[in-house]
Amino acid sequence: MPNHIHALIGFQNTGKTINTIIGNGKRFMAYQIIDRLEGQNETLLLQQLQQAVEGKDRQRNKQHEVWEDSFDWKDCTEFIKQKLDYMHNNPCKGKWNLASSPVAYKHSWAFLYATGEQGNYPITSFMELKDVDLSRLV
């Protein structure tokens, strides 16, 4: 897409809990966000993120609150299919109209789902993933 990207990311069994994986991801993304905000001298937004830190987190020396504390578990099989349909069709309608069909859009992986063959970018279908419990994805 010209101004954004869509992605579904799955985690194979690493022995780590989903809470650890999400927590680490949020932490490292927050470091990058804060670094960029500091580099752009976004003092007002940085102050707001500092004021959002609660007492217990301040005691642990947390300086900014970038994310909400939690996330929700959901059965995602149907959700994934819905999002794949949306992502496959997005370039073909509305203001984009970049291809006549999802399979014809050169940056899409719809070709794999339609034909069973790899397209321009090699991917793994979510249905082929091993060690992934699709009912417990976030």
N, C-alpha and C. Protein backbone atom coordinates (compact mmCIF):
# COMPACT_ATOMS: atom_id res chain seq x y z
N MET A 1 0.85 -1.17 0.00
CA MET A 1 0.00 0.00 0.00
C MET A 1 0.90 1.24 0.00
N PRO A 2 0.45 2.30 -0.60
CA PRO A 2 1.30 3.50 -0.70
C PRO A 2 1.68 4.15 0.62
N ASN A 3 0.81 4.08 1.64
CA ASN A 3 1.12 4.81 2.87
C ASN A 3 1.01 3.99 4.15
N HIS A 4 0.87 2.66 4.02
CA HIS A 4 0.81 1.82 5.22
C HIS A 4 1.07 0.37 4.84
N ILE A 5 1.17 -0.47 5.85
CA ILE A 5 1.43 -1.89 5.63
C ILE A 5 0.46 -2.70 6.49
N HIS A 6 0.09 -3.86 5.98
CA HIS A 6 -0.71 -4.81 6.75
C HIS A 6 0.15 -6.04 6.98
N ALA A 7 0.08 -6.60 8.18
CA ALA A 7 0.84 -7.81 8.46
C ALA A 7 0.14 -8.61 9.55
N LEU A 8 0.18 -9.92 9.41
CA LEU A 8 -0.22 -10.83 10.47
C LEU A 8 1.06 -11.53 10.89
N ILE A 9 1.36 -11.50 12.16
CA ILE A 9 2.60 -12.08 12.66
C ILE A 9 2.25 -13.19 13.64
N GLY A 10 2.79 -14.35 13.42
CA GLY A 10 2.56 -15.48 14.31
C GLY A 10 3.82 -15.83 15.06
N PHE A 11 3.65 -16.44 16.21
CA PHE A 11 4.78 -16.86 17.03
C PHE A 11 4.76 -18.37 17.15
N GLN A 12 5.87 -19.00 16.83
CA GLN A 12 5.98 -20.43 17.07
C GLN A 12 6.35 -20.65 18.52
N ASN A 13 6.18 -21.86 18.98
CA ASN A 13 6.45 -22.18 20.38
C ASN A 13 7.93 -22.00 20.68
N THR A 14 8.23 -21.02 21.52
CA THR A 14 9.62 -20.74 21.90
C THR A 14 9.89 -21.12 23.36
N GLY A 15 8.86 -21.56 24.06
CA GLY A 15 9.01 -21.84 25.47
C GLY A 15 8.72 -20.63 26.33
N LYS A 16 8.58 -19.46 25.71
CA LYS A 16 8.26 -18.24 26.45
C LYS A 16 6.75 -18.04 26.43
N THR A 17 6.23 -17.42 27.46
CA THR A 17 4.80 -17.15 27.49
C THR A 17 4.47 -16.01 26.53
N ILE A 18 3.23 -15.97 26.09
CA ILE A 18 2.80 -14.87 25.21
C ILE A 18 2.94 -13.54 25.94
N ASN A 19 2.73 -13.52 27.26
CA ASN A 19 2.91 -12.29 28.04
C ASN A 19 4.35 -11.78 27.94
N THR A 20 5.32 -12.69 28.01
CA THR A 20 6.72 -12.30 27.91
C THR A 20 7.04 -11.77 26.52
N ILE A 21 6.56 -12.45 25.49
CA ILE A 21 6.82 -12.03 24.12
C ILE A 21 6.23 -10.65 23.86
N ILE A 22 4.96 -10.46 24.22
CA ILE A 22 4.30 -9.16 23.99
C ILE A 22 4.96 -8.09 24.86
N GLY A 23 5.26 -8.40 26.11
CA GLY A 23 5.90 -7.43 27.00
C GLY A 23 7.25 -6.97 26.48
N ASN A 24 8.07 -7.92 26.02
CA ASN A 24 9.37 -7.55 25.45
C ASN A 24 9.20 -6.70 24.20
N GLY A 25 8.28 -7.09 23.34
CA GLY A 25 8.04 -6.30 22.12
C GLY A 25 7.60 -4.89 22.44
N LYS A 26 6.66 -4.75 23.37
CA LYS A 26 6.20 -3.41 23.75
C LYS A 26 7.33 -2.58 24.36
N ARG A 27 8.15 -3.23 25.20
CA ARG A 27 9.24 -2.51 25.86
C ARG A 27 10.23 -1.96 24.84
N PHE A 28 10.66 -2.80 23.91
CA PHE A 28 11.66 -2.36 22.95
C PHE A 28 11.10 -1.35 21.95
N MET A 29 9.81 -1.50 21.58
CA MET A 29 9.19 -0.49 20.72
C MET A 29 9.06 0.84 21.46
N ALA A 30 8.74 0.78 22.75
CA ALA A 30 8.62 2.00 23.54
C ALA A 30 9.95 2.74 23.61
N TYR A 31 11.06 2.01 23.78
CA TYR A 31 12.38 2.66 23.78
C TYR A 31 12.60 3.42 22.48
N GLN A 32 12.26 2.81 21.37
CA GLN A 32 12.44 3.45 20.07
C GLN A 32 11.53 4.67 19.92
N ILE A 33 10.29 4.56 20.36
CA ILE A 33 9.36 5.68 20.27
C ILE A 33 9.87 6.85 21.10
N ILE A 34 10.30 6.59 22.32
CA ILE A 34 10.80 7.66 23.20
C ILE A 34 12.06 8.29 22.59
N ASP A 35 12.97 7.46 22.08
CA ASP A 35 14.18 8.01 21.44
C ASP A 35 13.83 8.93 20.29
N ARG A 36 12.87 8.53 19.48
CA ARG A 36 12.48 9.37 18.33
C ARG A 36 11.79 10.65 18.78
N LEU A 37 10.94 10.53 19.80
CA LEU A 37 10.28 11.73 20.31
C LEU A 37 11.30 12.70 20.90
N GLU A 38 12.30 12.18 21.61
CA GLU A 38 13.35 13.04 22.15
C GLU A 38 14.15 13.67 21.02
N GLY A 39 14.46 12.88 19.99
CA GLY A 39 15.21 13.40 18.85
C GLY A 39 14.46 14.48 18.08
N GLN A 40 13.13 14.42 18.13
CA GLN A 40 12.30 15.42 17.45
C GLN A 40 11.86 16.54 18.39
N ASN A 41 12.39 16.50 19.61
CA ASN A 41 12.10 17.52 20.62
C ASN A 41 10.60 17.68 20.88
N GLU A 42 9.91 16.55 20.98
CA GLU A 42 8.46 16.54 21.25
C GLU A 42 8.22 16.60 22.76
N THR A 43 8.58 17.72 23.37
CA THR A 43 8.56 17.82 24.83
C THR A 43 7.15 17.70 25.41
N LEU A 44 6.14 18.25 24.77
CA LEU A 44 4.78 18.17 25.30
C LEU A 44 4.30 16.73 25.36
N LEU A 45 4.49 15.98 24.30
CA LEU A 45 4.08 14.58 24.28
C LEU A 45 4.91 13.75 25.27
N LEU A 46 6.19 14.02 25.37
CA LEU A 46 7.04 13.32 26.35
C LEU A 46 6.57 13.60 27.78
N GLN A 47 6.17 14.83 28.06
CA GLN A 47 5.65 15.17 29.40
C GLN A 47 4.36 14.41 29.67
N GLN A 48 3.49 14.31 28.67
CA GLN A 48 2.24 13.56 28.85
C GLN A 48 2.52 12.09 29.14
N LEU A 49 3.49 11.52 28.45
CA LEU A 49 3.85 10.12 28.68
C LEU A 49 4.49 9.94 30.06
N GLN A 50 5.22 10.94 30.54
CA GLN A 50 5.80 10.88 31.88
C GLN A 50 4.71 10.96 32.95
N GLN A 51 3.74 11.85 32.75
CA GLN A 51 2.66 12.02 33.73
C GLN A 51 1.76 10.80 33.81
N ALA A 52 1.73 9.98 32.77
CA ALA A 52 0.87 8.80 32.76
C ALA A 52 1.45 7.63 33.57
N VAL A 53 2.70 7.73 34.00
CA VAL A 53 3.32 6.65 34.77
C VAL A 53 2.72 6.65 36.18
N GLU A 54 2.25 5.48 36.60
CA GLU A 54 1.63 5.36 37.93
C GLU A 54 2.70 5.14 39.00
N GLY A 55 2.30 5.35 40.25
CA GLY A 55 3.22 5.30 41.39
C GLY A 55 4.06 4.04 41.48
N LYS A 56 3.43 2.87 41.36
CA LYS A 56 4.18 1.61 41.48
C LYS A 56 5.24 1.50 40.39
N ASP A 57 4.93 2.01 39.20
CA ASP A 57 5.90 1.97 38.11
C ASP A 57 7.00 3.02 38.29
N ARG A 58 6.65 4.17 38.88
CA ARG A 58 7.66 5.19 39.18
C ARG A 58 8.71 4.65 40.15
N GLN A 59 8.25 3.87 41.13
CA GLN A 59 9.18 3.28 42.10
C GLN A 59 10.16 2.34 41.43
N ARG A 60 9.76 1.75 40.31
CA ARG A 60 10.67 0.87 39.55
C ARG A 60 11.48 1.66 38.53
N ASN A 61 11.39 2.99 38.60
CA ASN A 61 12.15 3.90 37.74
C ASN A 61 11.64 3.95 36.30
N LYS A 62 10.36 3.62 36.11
CA LYS A 62 9.78 3.75 34.78
C LYS A 62 9.55 5.23 34.51
N GLN A 63 9.94 5.69 33.33
CA GLN A 63 9.89 7.12 33.05
C GLN A 63 8.76 7.54 32.11
N HIS A 64 8.27 6.63 31.28
CA HIS A 64 7.21 6.97 30.33
C HIS A 64 6.21 5.82 30.24
N GLU A 65 4.94 6.13 30.04
CA GLU A 65 3.91 5.12 29.82
C GLU A 65 3.46 5.24 28.37
N VAL A 66 3.93 4.30 27.53
CA VAL A 66 3.63 4.35 26.11
C VAL A 66 2.44 3.46 25.76
N TRP A 67 2.29 2.33 26.44
CA TRP A 67 1.28 1.33 26.10
C TRP A 67 0.28 1.13 27.23
N GLU A 68 -0.86 0.56 26.88
CA GLU A 68 -1.78 0.09 27.90
C GLU A 68 -1.17 -1.16 28.53
N ASP A 69 -1.55 -1.45 29.77
CA ASP A 69 -0.93 -2.54 30.51
C ASP A 69 -1.23 -3.94 29.98
N SER A 70 -2.35 -4.15 29.32
CA SER A 70 -2.73 -5.53 29.01
C SER A 70 -3.14 -5.69 27.56
N PHE A 71 -3.42 -6.91 27.22
CA PHE A 71 -3.97 -7.27 25.93
C PHE A 71 -4.95 -8.40 26.18
N ASP A 72 -5.77 -8.73 25.19
CA ASP A 72 -6.79 -9.75 25.36
C ASP A 72 -6.48 -10.98 24.52
N TRP A 73 -6.74 -12.16 25.09
CA TRP A 73 -6.67 -13.41 24.35
C TRP A 73 -7.95 -13.55 23.56
N LYS A 74 -7.84 -14.03 22.34
CA LYS A 74 -9.04 -14.26 21.52
C LYS A 74 -8.84 -15.49 20.66
N ASP A 75 -9.93 -16.18 20.37
CA ASP A 75 -9.89 -17.23 19.36
C ASP A 75 -9.81 -16.53 18.02
N CYS A 76 -8.73 -16.73 17.32
CA CYS A 76 -8.43 -15.88 16.17
C CYS A 76 -8.54 -16.53 14.81
N THR A 77 -8.93 -17.79 14.73
CA THR A 77 -8.96 -18.45 13.42
C THR A 77 -9.84 -17.69 12.44
N GLU A 78 -11.08 -17.43 12.81
CA GLU A 78 -11.99 -16.69 11.91
C GLU A 78 -11.53 -15.25 11.74
N PHE A 79 -10.99 -14.66 12.80
CA PHE A 79 -10.47 -13.30 12.74
C PHE A 79 -9.33 -13.20 11.72
N ILE A 80 -8.42 -14.19 11.74
CA ILE A 80 -7.31 -14.20 10.80
C ILE A 80 -7.83 -14.30 9.37
N LYS A 81 -8.79 -15.17 9.15
CA LYS A 81 -9.36 -15.30 7.79
C LYS A 81 -10.00 -13.98 7.35
N GLN A 82 -10.72 -13.33 8.25
CA GLN A 82 -11.34 -12.05 7.93
C GLN A 82 -10.28 -11.01 7.58
N LYS A 83 -9.21 -10.94 8.39
CA LYS A 83 -8.15 -9.95 8.14
C LYS A 83 -7.40 -10.26 6.84
N LEU A 84 -7.16 -11.54 6.57
CA LEU A 84 -6.53 -11.90 5.30
C LEU A 84 -7.38 -11.46 4.12
N ASP A 85 -8.68 -11.71 4.20
CA ASP A 85 -9.58 -11.26 3.12
C ASP A 85 -9.51 -9.75 2.95
N TYR A 86 -9.53 -9.03 4.06
CA TYR A 86 -9.44 -7.57 3.99
C TYR A 86 -8.12 -7.14 3.35
N MET A 87 -7.00 -7.72 3.82
CA MET A 87 -5.70 -7.32 3.30
C MET A 87 -5.54 -7.69 1.83
N HIS A 88 -6.08 -8.84 1.43
CA HIS A 88 -5.99 -9.24 0.03
C HIS A 88 -6.82 -8.33 -0.87
N ASN A 89 -7.97 -7.90 -0.40
CA ASN A 89 -8.87 -7.09 -1.23
C ASN A 89 -8.59 -5.59 -1.16
N ASN A 90 -7.90 -5.13 -0.13
CA ASN A 90 -7.66 -3.70 0.09
C ASN A 90 -7.05 -2.98 -1.11
N PRO A 91 -6.05 -3.54 -1.79
CA PRO A 91 -5.45 -2.82 -2.92
C PRO A 91 -6.36 -2.74 -4.15
N CYS A 92 -7.45 -3.51 -4.15
CA CYS A 92 -8.28 -3.66 -5.35
C CYS A 92 -9.55 -2.84 -5.33
N LYS A 93 -9.73 -2.02 -4.32
CA LYS A 93 -10.99 -1.27 -4.24
C LYS A 93 -10.76 0.10 -3.63
N GLY A 94 -11.82 0.85 -3.52
CA GLY A 94 -11.75 2.17 -2.91
C GLY A 94 -10.80 3.10 -3.63
N LYS A 95 -10.14 3.92 -2.86
CA LYS A 95 -9.27 4.94 -3.46
C LYS A 95 -8.00 4.34 -4.06
N TRP A 96 -7.61 3.11 -3.65
CA TRP A 96 -6.36 2.55 -4.15
C TRP A 96 -6.52 2.01 -5.56
N ASN A 97 -7.40 1.05 -5.73
CA ASN A 97 -7.66 0.47 -7.05
C ASN A 97 -6.35 0.16 -7.79
N LEU A 98 -5.45 -0.55 -7.13
CA LEU A 98 -4.11 -0.83 -7.67
C LEU A 98 -4.05 -2.09 -8.52
N ALA A 99 -5.09 -2.92 -8.48
CA ALA A 99 -5.11 -4.16 -9.26
C ALA A 99 -6.55 -4.60 -9.47
N SER A 100 -6.76 -5.43 -10.47
CA SER A 100 -8.11 -5.90 -10.77
C SER A 100 -8.57 -7.00 -9.83
N SER A 101 -7.62 -7.70 -9.19
CA SER A 101 -7.96 -8.75 -8.23
C SER A 101 -6.81 -8.89 -7.24
N PRO A 102 -7.07 -9.50 -6.08
CA PRO A 102 -5.98 -9.68 -5.12
C PRO A 102 -4.81 -10.48 -5.69
N VAL A 103 -5.09 -11.47 -6.51
CA VAL A 103 -4.04 -12.29 -7.10
C VAL A 103 -3.18 -11.47 -8.06
N ALA A 104 -3.77 -10.46 -8.70
CA ALA A 104 -3.06 -9.64 -9.67
C ALA A 104 -2.18 -8.58 -9.02
N TYR A 105 -2.41 -8.28 -7.74
CA TYR A 105 -1.60 -7.25 -7.06
C TYR A 105 -0.23 -7.84 -6.74
N LYS A 106 0.82 -7.26 -7.31
CA LYS A 106 2.15 -7.89 -7.24
C LYS A 106 2.74 -7.97 -5.84
N HIS A 107 2.27 -7.16 -4.90
CA HIS A 107 2.81 -7.19 -3.54
C HIS A 107 1.97 -8.04 -2.59
N SER A 108 0.98 -8.74 -3.12
CA SER A 108 0.07 -9.52 -2.29
C SER A 108 0.52 -10.97 -2.19
N TRP A 109 0.17 -11.60 -1.09
CA TRP A 109 0.40 -13.03 -0.96
C TRP A 109 -0.89 -13.80 -1.24
N ALA A 110 -1.90 -13.14 -1.78
CA ALA A 110 -3.16 -13.80 -2.13
C ALA A 110 -2.93 -14.92 -3.13
N PHE A 111 -1.90 -14.80 -3.96
CA PHE A 111 -1.59 -15.81 -4.95
C PHE A 111 -1.40 -17.18 -4.29
N LEU A 112 -0.69 -17.22 -3.15
CA LEU A 112 -0.47 -18.47 -2.43
C LEU A 112 -1.79 -19.08 -1.98
N TYR A 113 -2.67 -18.26 -1.42
CA TYR A 113 -3.94 -18.76 -0.91
C TYR A 113 -4.86 -19.20 -2.04
N ALA A 114 -4.75 -18.55 -3.21
CA ALA A 114 -5.62 -18.89 -4.35
C ALA A 114 -5.11 -20.10 -5.13
N THR A 115 -3.79 -20.24 -5.25
CA THR A 115 -3.23 -21.28 -6.12
C THR A 115 -2.43 -22.35 -5.40
N GLY A 116 -1.99 -22.06 -4.18
CA GLY A 116 -1.12 -22.98 -3.47
C GLY A 116 0.34 -22.82 -3.85
N GLU A 117 0.64 -21.88 -4.75
CA GLU A 117 2.01 -21.63 -5.19
C GLU A 117 2.49 -20.28 -4.66
N GLN A 118 3.81 -20.19 -4.42
CA GLN A 118 4.39 -18.93 -3.95
C GLN A 118 4.28 -17.87 -5.04
N GLY A 119 4.08 -16.63 -4.61
CA GLY A 119 4.07 -15.50 -5.52
C GLY A 119 5.41 -14.79 -5.51
N ASN A 120 5.39 -13.46 -5.60
CA ASN A 120 6.62 -12.67 -5.64
C ASN A 120 7.40 -12.71 -4.33
N TYR A 121 6.69 -12.87 -3.21
CA TYR A 121 7.33 -12.86 -1.89
C TYR A 121 7.03 -14.17 -1.19
N PRO A 122 8.04 -14.95 -0.85
CA PRO A 122 7.77 -16.23 -0.19
C PRO A 122 7.19 -16.02 1.21
N ILE A 123 6.11 -16.72 1.49
CA ILE A 123 5.47 -16.64 2.80
C ILE A 123 5.05 -18.03 3.24
N THR A 124 4.64 -18.14 4.48
CA THR A 124 4.06 -19.37 5.00
C THR A 124 2.61 -19.11 5.34
N SER A 125 1.72 -19.90 4.80
CA SER A 125 0.31 -19.78 5.13
C SER A 125 0.12 -20.03 6.61
N PHE A 126 -0.76 -19.29 7.25
CA PHE A 126 -0.98 -19.49 8.68
C PHE A 126 -1.52 -20.88 8.95
N MET A 127 -2.13 -21.52 7.95
CA MET A 127 -2.66 -22.87 8.12
C MET A 127 -1.54 -23.92 8.14
N GLU A 128 -0.33 -23.56 7.69
CA GLU A 128 0.79 -24.50 7.65
C GLU A 128 1.69 -24.40 8.86
N LEU A 129 1.48 -23.42 9.72
CA LEU A 129 2.36 -23.22 10.86
C LEU A 129 2.29 -24.40 11.81
N LYS A 130 3.44 -24.83 12.30
CA LYS A 130 3.52 -25.91 13.27
C LYS A 130 3.70 -25.30 14.66
N ASP A 131 3.25 -26.02 15.66
CA ASP A 131 3.41 -25.59 17.05
C ASP A 131 2.69 -24.29 17.35
N VAL A 132 1.64 -23.97 16.59
CA VAL A 132 0.88 -22.75 16.86
C VAL A 132 -0.55 -23.17 17.14
N ASP A 133 -1.04 -22.78 18.30
CA ASP A 133 -2.43 -23.03 18.65
C ASP A 133 -3.23 -21.81 18.18
N LEU A 134 -3.91 -21.94 17.03
CA LEU A 134 -4.60 -20.80 16.44
C LEU A 134 -5.72 -20.27 17.33
N SER A 135 -6.20 -21.06 18.25
CA SER A 135 -7.27 -20.58 19.11
C SER A 135 -6.74 -19.69 20.23
N ARG A 136 -5.41 -19.59 20.38
CA ARG A 136 -4.84 -18.82 21.48
C ARG A 136 -3.93 -17.70 21.01
N LEU A 137 -4.10 -17.24 19.77
CA LEU A 137 -3.32 -16.10 19.29
C LEU A 137 -3.94 -14.82 19.81
N VAL A 138 -3.15 -13.76 19.90
CA VAL A 138 -3.69 -12.49 20.34
C VAL A 138 -4.07 -11.65 19.14
